[in-house]
Amino acid sequence: MTSPIKNVILAGAGGNTGQATLPALLNAGFNVSVLTRSSSNAAFPESVTVHATDYSEASLSEAFKGQDAVVSMVGSFEPKVLTDVQVKMVDVAVKAGVRWFIPSEYGMDTSPEKGEELCPPLKLKRAVSGHLKSLESSGMGWTGIIVGAFFDWALENGFMGWNIPDRKVTIFDTGDQPLCLTNLDLIAQTVVAVLQQPEKARNTFVYVNSAFTSQNKILAELEKQLGQNFETDHARTQDLAAEGRKRWADGELFAGAYNVILAALNGGWGLNEFEEKSKNWMQILGLEEEALETTIERVIAKCK
C-alpha cells in the first residue's frame, strides 16, 4: 500500500482560498508548510513552516524538499504568475520527488477546449493542467478542483452582482440560468479529501459544489430571510463578455478577466453547469452540500 500523504506545502496561503484551506489542512493532521514571496509580511501559525521564495529553481527546490504534495492557490491573471510560475513549480516538484500536485483551478470548468475562446483567461489555467498531463509518466499525480463560482465569498464581497448591505442586485439575462456555486469551506475540505485519498482522483479534474441554484432563487431566499425587497438591475452576459474580451485583448487583464468570467459563470456557456459530475465526485470523496437557506443565513449574519 502506498504511504499516505503527510507533508504538504501550500502556495497562496494568504489568499481567499488559502486562508480557508490552511486551517483545514492543519486540522486534518497534515504537516503543513507555506510558500510565500520573499517580500511577504503574512503571519502564520507557529506550527507552520514558512518558506520564502523568489520562485527561482533553487528556492523552490529547497522548499519542496521532503514534501509529499504541493497545493497551489496562487491567484492572478498575469500569465507570468498564473502560468509561468506554476509551470516552474510543477517542474521543480517533479525533480524534488513530490508525489502530488494540485494546481490553482478553483473556478469554472477549464477542461473543454472551447473555454479558451469563450473565456480567454482560462487559457492560463489550461496551460498548467496541460503541462501536468505531459508529465504524468514521471509518477507525480495531479488533481484539478473545479468549483464553479465562489458562493458565500461572492455574497459577502459583492461579486456576481450582489450587494446585500444596500439591498441591490444585478440580474444577468433572465436570472434563471442554473449555477454551480461553492463555499470556501467546501473548497478547503475538497483539498483535504483529495490528499487523504489521492488515488481516487489521480490525473483528473474533480467537481464539487455547495449548491446548484440560480440568481432568482438566491434573490428570493435573501428577500425572504431579510423581509425586504432588493433593488434590481439587469445586464446581458453577451454585452459583458464582448467588453471583457476587448479589454483582455487590450492588455487590461484584471478588468477584462472580471467581465468575461462574470459572463461565463452566468451565461449558460457550459462552463459552470456540472451538477451530475459534482454529485458523483462528492459521493466519491465523502463531501456534502450545504442547504441554500443555511448558506444565506450565515452570510446575512456577517453582512446585513
Protein backbone atom coordinates (compact mmCIF):
# COMPACT_ATOMS: atom_id res chain seq x y z
CA MET A 1 0.00 0.00 0.00
CA THR A 2 1.29 3.47 -0.88
CA SER A 3 2.14 5.51 2.20
CA PRO A 4 -0.27 8.35 2.95
CA ILE A 5 0.46 11.94 2.01
CA LYS A 6 1.70 13.69 5.13
CA ASN A 7 3.89 16.67 4.25
CA VAL A 8 2.04 19.38 2.31
CA ILE A 9 3.23 22.79 1.12
CA LEU A 10 0.62 25.43 0.32
CA ALA A 11 1.32 28.29 -2.09
CA GLY A 12 -1.04 31.25 -1.83
CA ALA A 13 -1.97 30.69 1.80
CA GLY A 14 -2.80 34.36 2.28
CA GLY A 15 -5.49 34.48 -0.40
CA ASN A 16 -9.21 33.79 -0.08
CA THR A 17 -8.99 30.05 -0.75
CA GLY A 18 -5.67 29.74 1.04
CA GLN A 19 -6.97 31.28 4.26
CA ALA A 20 -9.75 28.69 4.33
CA THR A 21 -7.52 25.78 3.32
CA LEU A 22 -4.59 26.25 5.71
CA PRO A 23 -6.59 25.58 8.92
CA ALA A 24 -8.40 22.69 7.22
CA LEU A 25 -5.07 21.03 6.39
CA LEU A 26 -3.80 21.58 9.93
CA ASN A 27 -6.99 20.23 11.48
CA ALA A 28 -6.72 17.15 9.27
CA GLY A 29 -3.30 16.37 10.74
CA PHE A 30 -1.02 17.22 7.82
CA ASN A 31 2.45 18.64 8.38
CA VAL A 32 1.93 21.96 6.63
CA SER A 33 4.42 24.41 5.16
CA VAL A 34 3.58 27.56 3.23
CA LEU A 35 5.34 29.07 0.27
CA THR A 36 5.42 32.88 0.31
CA ARG A 37 7.11 35.57 -1.69
CA SER A 38 10.29 36.89 -0.10
CA SER A 39 8.62 40.30 0.22
CA SER A 40 5.53 38.98 2.06
CA ASN A 41 4.77 40.04 5.63
CA ALA A 42 1.97 37.49 6.12
CA ALA A 43 1.82 35.80 9.51
CA PHE A 44 1.04 32.12 10.02
CA PRO A 45 0.56 29.77 13.00
CA GLU A 46 3.73 28.70 14.80
CA SER A 47 3.21 25.09 13.72
CA VAL A 48 3.56 26.11 10.07
CA THR A 49 6.98 26.18 8.40
CA VAL A 50 7.34 29.23 6.16
CA HIS A 51 9.47 29.04 3.00
CA ALA A 52 10.20 32.43 1.44
CA THR A 53 10.85 32.22 -2.28
CA ASP A 54 11.70 34.36 -5.26
CA TYR A 55 10.36 31.48 -7.40
CA SER A 56 13.83 30.62 -8.62
CA GLU A 57 14.52 26.93 -9.14
CA ALA A 58 16.95 26.94 -6.23
CA SER A 59 14.50 28.41 -3.70
CA LEU A 60 11.63 26.21 -4.89
CA SER A 61 13.86 23.11 -4.72
CA GLU A 62 14.69 23.89 -1.12
CA ALA A 63 11.03 24.48 -0.24
CA PHE A 64 9.83 21.28 -1.97
CA LYS A 65 12.47 19.05 -0.39
CA GLY A 66 10.69 16.29 1.56
CA GLN A 67 7.21 17.41 0.53
CA ASP A 68 4.63 14.82 -0.46
CA ALA A 69 2.22 17.30 -2.07
CA VAL A 70 2.14 20.84 -3.42
CA VAL A 71 -1.18 22.71 -3.25
CA SER A 72 -1.14 25.81 -5.42
CA MET A 73 -3.62 28.59 -4.68
CA VAL A 74 -1.74 31.39 -6.40
CA GLY A 75 -4.21 33.94 -7.69
CA SER A 76 -3.51 36.29 -10.58
CA PHE A 77 -4.49 36.95 -14.17
CA GLU A 78 -0.90 37.75 -15.06
CA PRO A 79 0.41 34.99 -17.35
CA LYS A 80 3.84 35.17 -15.73
CA VAL A 81 2.23 34.30 -12.38
CA LEU A 82 -0.71 32.02 -13.05
CA THR A 83 1.02 30.09 -15.84
CA ASP A 84 4.78 30.61 -15.82
CA VAL A 85 5.27 30.40 -12.05
CA GLN A 86 3.07 27.33 -11.72
CA VAL A 87 4.78 25.56 -14.64
CA LYS A 88 8.12 26.15 -12.91
CA MET A 89 6.63 24.86 -9.65
CA VAL A 90 5.46 21.71 -11.44
CA ASP A 91 8.89 21.09 -12.98
CA VAL A 92 10.70 21.58 -9.69
CA ALA A 93 8.16 19.39 -7.87
CA VAL A 94 8.86 16.51 -10.26
CA LYS A 95 12.61 16.85 -9.76
CA ALA A 96 12.15 17.02 -5.97
CA GLY A 97 10.16 13.77 -5.93
CA VAL A 98 6.86 15.38 -4.89
CA ARG A 99 4.07 12.82 -5.22
CA TRP A 100 1.05 15.06 -5.86
CA PHE A 101 0.31 18.49 -7.29
CA ILE A 102 -2.97 20.40 -7.02
CA PRO A 103 -2.87 23.38 -9.42
CA SER A 104 -4.70 26.67 -8.94
CA GLU A 105 -8.07 25.93 -10.56
CA TYR A 106 -10.97 26.50 -8.10
CA GLY A 107 -13.30 28.05 -10.68
CA MET A 108 -15.35 27.17 -13.73
CA ASP A 109 -14.67 24.06 -15.81
CA THR A 110 -11.44 24.55 -17.77
CA SER A 111 -11.45 21.09 -19.37
CA PRO A 112 -13.45 21.91 -22.56
CA GLU A 113 -11.24 23.31 -25.34
CA LYS A 114 -13.98 25.82 -26.23
CA GLY A 115 -13.34 27.51 -22.90
CA GLU A 116 -10.25 29.33 -24.22
CA GLU A 117 -12.24 31.01 -26.97
CA LEU A 118 -15.27 31.80 -24.84
CA CYS A 119 -13.26 32.93 -21.81
CA PRO A 120 -9.63 33.81 -22.74
CA PRO A 121 -8.29 33.84 -19.13
CA LEU A 122 -8.95 30.08 -18.97
CA LYS A 123 -6.03 29.59 -21.35
CA LEU A 124 -3.69 30.38 -18.46
CA LYS A 125 -5.04 27.56 -16.31
CA ARG A 126 -5.28 25.13 -19.23
CA ALA A 127 -1.57 25.64 -19.89
CA VAL A 128 -0.77 24.42 -16.38
CA SER A 129 -3.07 21.37 -16.46
CA GLY A 130 -1.71 20.56 -19.93
CA HIS A 131 1.83 20.64 -18.57
CA LEU A 132 0.85 18.36 -15.69
CA LYS A 133 -0.70 15.90 -18.15
CA SER A 134 2.52 15.87 -20.19
CA LEU A 135 4.48 14.81 -17.08
CA GLU A 136 2.19 12.03 -15.84
CA SER A 137 4.80 9.42 -16.80
CA SER A 138 7.09 10.92 -14.13
CA GLY A 139 4.86 9.35 -11.49
CA MET A 140 3.71 12.61 -9.90
CA GLY A 141 -0.07 12.66 -9.76
CA TRP A 142 -2.26 15.73 -10.08
CA THR A 143 -5.84 16.75 -9.38
CA GLY A 144 -7.65 19.86 -10.62
CA ILE A 145 -10.54 21.01 -8.44
CA ILE A 146 -13.47 22.61 -10.30
CA VAL A 147 -15.91 24.54 -8.10
CA GLY A 148 -17.80 26.96 -10.35
CA ALA A 149 -18.26 30.31 -8.63
CA PHE A 150 -17.44 31.08 -5.02
CA PHE A 151 -20.80 31.29 -3.21
CA ASP A 152 -20.53 32.66 0.32
CA TRP A 153 -17.50 34.76 -0.61
CA ALA A 154 -19.34 36.30 -3.60
CA LEU A 155 -22.36 37.20 -1.48
CA GLU A 156 -20.21 38.68 1.28
CA ASN A 157 -17.92 40.66 -1.03
CA GLY A 158 -20.30 42.00 -3.67
CA PHE A 159 -19.21 39.72 -6.53
CA MET A 160 -21.56 38.37 -9.22
CA GLY A 161 -23.85 41.38 -8.91
CA TRP A 162 -24.73 41.08 -5.21
CA ASN A 163 -24.85 43.99 -2.75
CA ILE A 164 -26.53 42.75 0.41
CA PRO A 165 -25.88 45.78 2.67
CA ASP A 166 -27.59 48.12 0.16
CA ARG A 167 -30.21 45.51 -0.87
CA LYS A 168 -29.23 45.70 -4.54
CA VAL A 169 -28.54 43.08 -7.19
CA THR A 170 -27.71 42.90 -10.88
CA ILE A 171 -29.56 40.03 -12.55
CA PHE A 172 -27.83 38.62 -15.60
CA ASP A 173 -30.05 37.69 -18.55
CA THR A 174 -33.21 36.06 -17.14
CA GLY A 175 -31.69 35.14 -13.78
CA ASP A 176 -32.92 31.56 -14.22
CA GLN A 177 -29.63 30.14 -15.53
CA PRO A 178 -28.53 27.17 -13.34
CA LEU A 179 -25.32 27.90 -11.44
CA CYS A 180 -22.80 25.72 -9.64
CA LEU A 181 -21.69 27.58 -6.53
CA THR A 182 -19.21 26.54 -3.86
CA ASN A 183 -18.45 27.86 -0.38
CA LEU A 184 -14.84 28.42 0.65
CA ASP A 185 -15.03 25.77 3.37
CA LEU A 186 -16.05 23.11 0.84
CA ILE A 187 -13.09 24.04 -1.36
CA ALA A 188 -10.82 23.52 1.65
CA GLN A 189 -12.47 20.22 2.54
CA THR A 190 -12.11 19.04 -1.06
CA VAL A 191 -8.37 19.67 -0.95
CA VAL A 192 -8.17 17.67 2.27
CA ALA A 193 -10.28 14.84 0.82
CA VAL A 194 -8.14 14.60 -2.32
CA LEU A 195 -4.91 14.46 -0.30
CA GLN A 196 -6.36 11.83 2.04
CA GLN A 197 -7.45 9.57 -0.83
CA PRO A 198 -5.42 10.73 -3.83
CA GLU A 199 -5.65 7.58 -5.93
CA LYS A 200 -9.39 8.18 -6.31
CA ALA A 201 -8.58 11.44 -8.07
CA ARG A 202 -5.34 10.71 -9.90
CA ASN A 203 -4.63 12.77 -13.01
CA THR A 204 -8.11 14.18 -13.44
CA PHE A 205 -10.46 17.01 -12.60
CA VAL A 206 -12.89 16.63 -9.72
CA TYR A 207 -16.09 18.64 -9.48
CA VAL A 208 -17.81 19.90 -6.33
CA ASN A 209 -20.44 22.45 -5.40
CA SER A 210 -22.26 23.59 -2.28
CA ALA A 211 -25.42 24.50 -4.19
CA PHE A 212 -26.88 24.16 -7.67
CA THR A 213 -29.30 27.04 -7.99
CA SER A 214 -29.98 30.30 -9.86
CA GLN A 215 -29.77 34.03 -9.23
CA ASN A 216 -33.53 34.30 -8.94
CA LYS A 217 -33.70 31.54 -6.32
CA ILE A 218 -30.91 33.16 -4.33
CA LEU A 219 -32.68 36.52 -4.53
CA ALA A 220 -35.96 35.00 -3.37
CA GLU A 221 -34.27 33.43 -0.34
CA LEU A 222 -32.43 36.62 0.55
CA GLU A 223 -35.63 38.66 0.40
CA LYS A 224 -37.46 36.02 2.43
CA GLN A 225 -34.89 35.93 5.22
CA LEU A 226 -34.35 39.69 5.30
CA GLY A 227 -38.02 40.59 4.91
CA GLN A 228 -37.08 43.24 2.35
CA ASN A 229 -37.12 43.54 -1.42
CA PHE A 230 -33.94 44.22 -3.37
CA GLU A 231 -33.49 46.95 -5.95
CA THR A 232 -32.91 45.03 -9.16
CA ASP A 233 -30.85 46.00 -12.20
CA HIS A 234 -30.37 43.86 -15.31
CA ALA A 235 -27.42 43.15 -17.61
CA ARG A 236 -26.75 40.92 -20.61
CA THR A 237 -23.92 38.44 -20.39
CA GLN A 238 -23.38 38.81 -24.14
CA ASP A 239 -22.52 42.50 -23.70
CA LEU A 240 -20.38 41.81 -20.63
CA ALA A 241 -18.42 39.13 -22.48
CA ALA A 242 -17.78 41.35 -25.50
CA GLU A 243 -16.45 44.14 -23.30
CA GLY A 244 -14.35 41.71 -21.29
CA ARG A 245 -12.72 40.11 -24.33
CA LYS A 246 -11.87 43.53 -25.76
CA ARG A 247 -10.32 44.75 -22.54
CA TRP A 248 -8.38 41.50 -22.16
CA ALA A 249 -7.05 41.84 -25.72
CA ASP A 250 -6.09 45.47 -24.97
CA GLY A 251 -3.99 44.35 -22.01
CA GLU A 252 -6.44 45.33 -19.27
CA LEU A 253 -6.07 41.89 -17.76
CA PHE A 254 -7.89 42.29 -14.45
CA ALA A 255 -10.84 44.28 -15.81
CA GLY A 256 -11.12 42.07 -18.87
CA ALA A 257 -10.94 38.86 -16.84
CA TYR A 258 -13.51 40.11 -14.32
CA ASN A 259 -16.08 40.87 -17.00
CA VAL A 260 -15.64 37.78 -19.14
CA ILE A 261 -15.52 35.43 -16.13
CA LEU A 262 -18.68 37.00 -14.74
CA ALA A 263 -20.34 36.46 -18.11
CA ALA A 264 -19.12 32.86 -18.34
CA LEU A 265 -20.34 31.99 -14.85
CA ASN A 266 -23.83 33.35 -15.55
CA GLY A 267 -24.20 32.90 -19.29
CA GLY A 268 -25.00 29.22 -19.74
CA TRP A 269 -21.89 28.51 -21.78
CA GLY A 270 -21.48 25.00 -20.36
CA LEU A 271 -18.54 26.00 -18.14
CA ASN A 272 -20.49 26.36 -14.88
CA GLU A 273 -23.07 23.61 -15.19
CA PHE A 274 -21.73 20.30 -13.88
CA GLU A 275 -24.30 19.20 -11.31
CA GLU A 276 -24.18 15.49 -12.17
CA LYS A 277 -20.38 15.38 -12.17
CA SER A 278 -20.39 17.17 -8.84
CA LYS A 279 -22.87 14.75 -7.27
CA ASN A 280 -20.68 11.84 -8.36
CA TRP A 281 -17.40 13.30 -7.12
CA MET A 282 -18.80 14.48 -3.81
CA GLN A 283 -20.05 10.97 -3.15
CA ILE A 284 -16.65 9.51 -4.08
CA LEU A 285 -14.82 11.96 -1.80
CA GLY A 286 -17.35 11.83 1.04
CA LEU A 287 -18.34 15.51 0.83
CA GLU A 288 -21.72 17.14 1.45
CA GLU A 289 -23.61 20.11 0.04
CA GLU A 290 -24.89 22.90 2.28
CA ALA A 291 -28.54 23.91 2.03
CA LEU A 292 -29.10 27.21 0.21
CA GLU A 293 -31.04 28.52 3.21
CA THR A 294 -28.14 27.72 5.57
CA THR A 295 -25.52 29.48 3.46
CA ILE A 296 -27.65 32.60 3.09
CA GLU A 297 -28.49 32.68 6.80
CA ARG A 298 -24.78 32.50 7.63
CA VAL A 299 -23.88 35.21 5.08
CA ILE A 300 -26.64 37.56 6.28
CA ALA A 301 -25.33 37.30 9.82
CA LYS A 302 -21.98 38.63 8.58
CA CYS A 303 -23.02 41.43 6.25
CA LYS A 304 -26.60 42.56 6.80
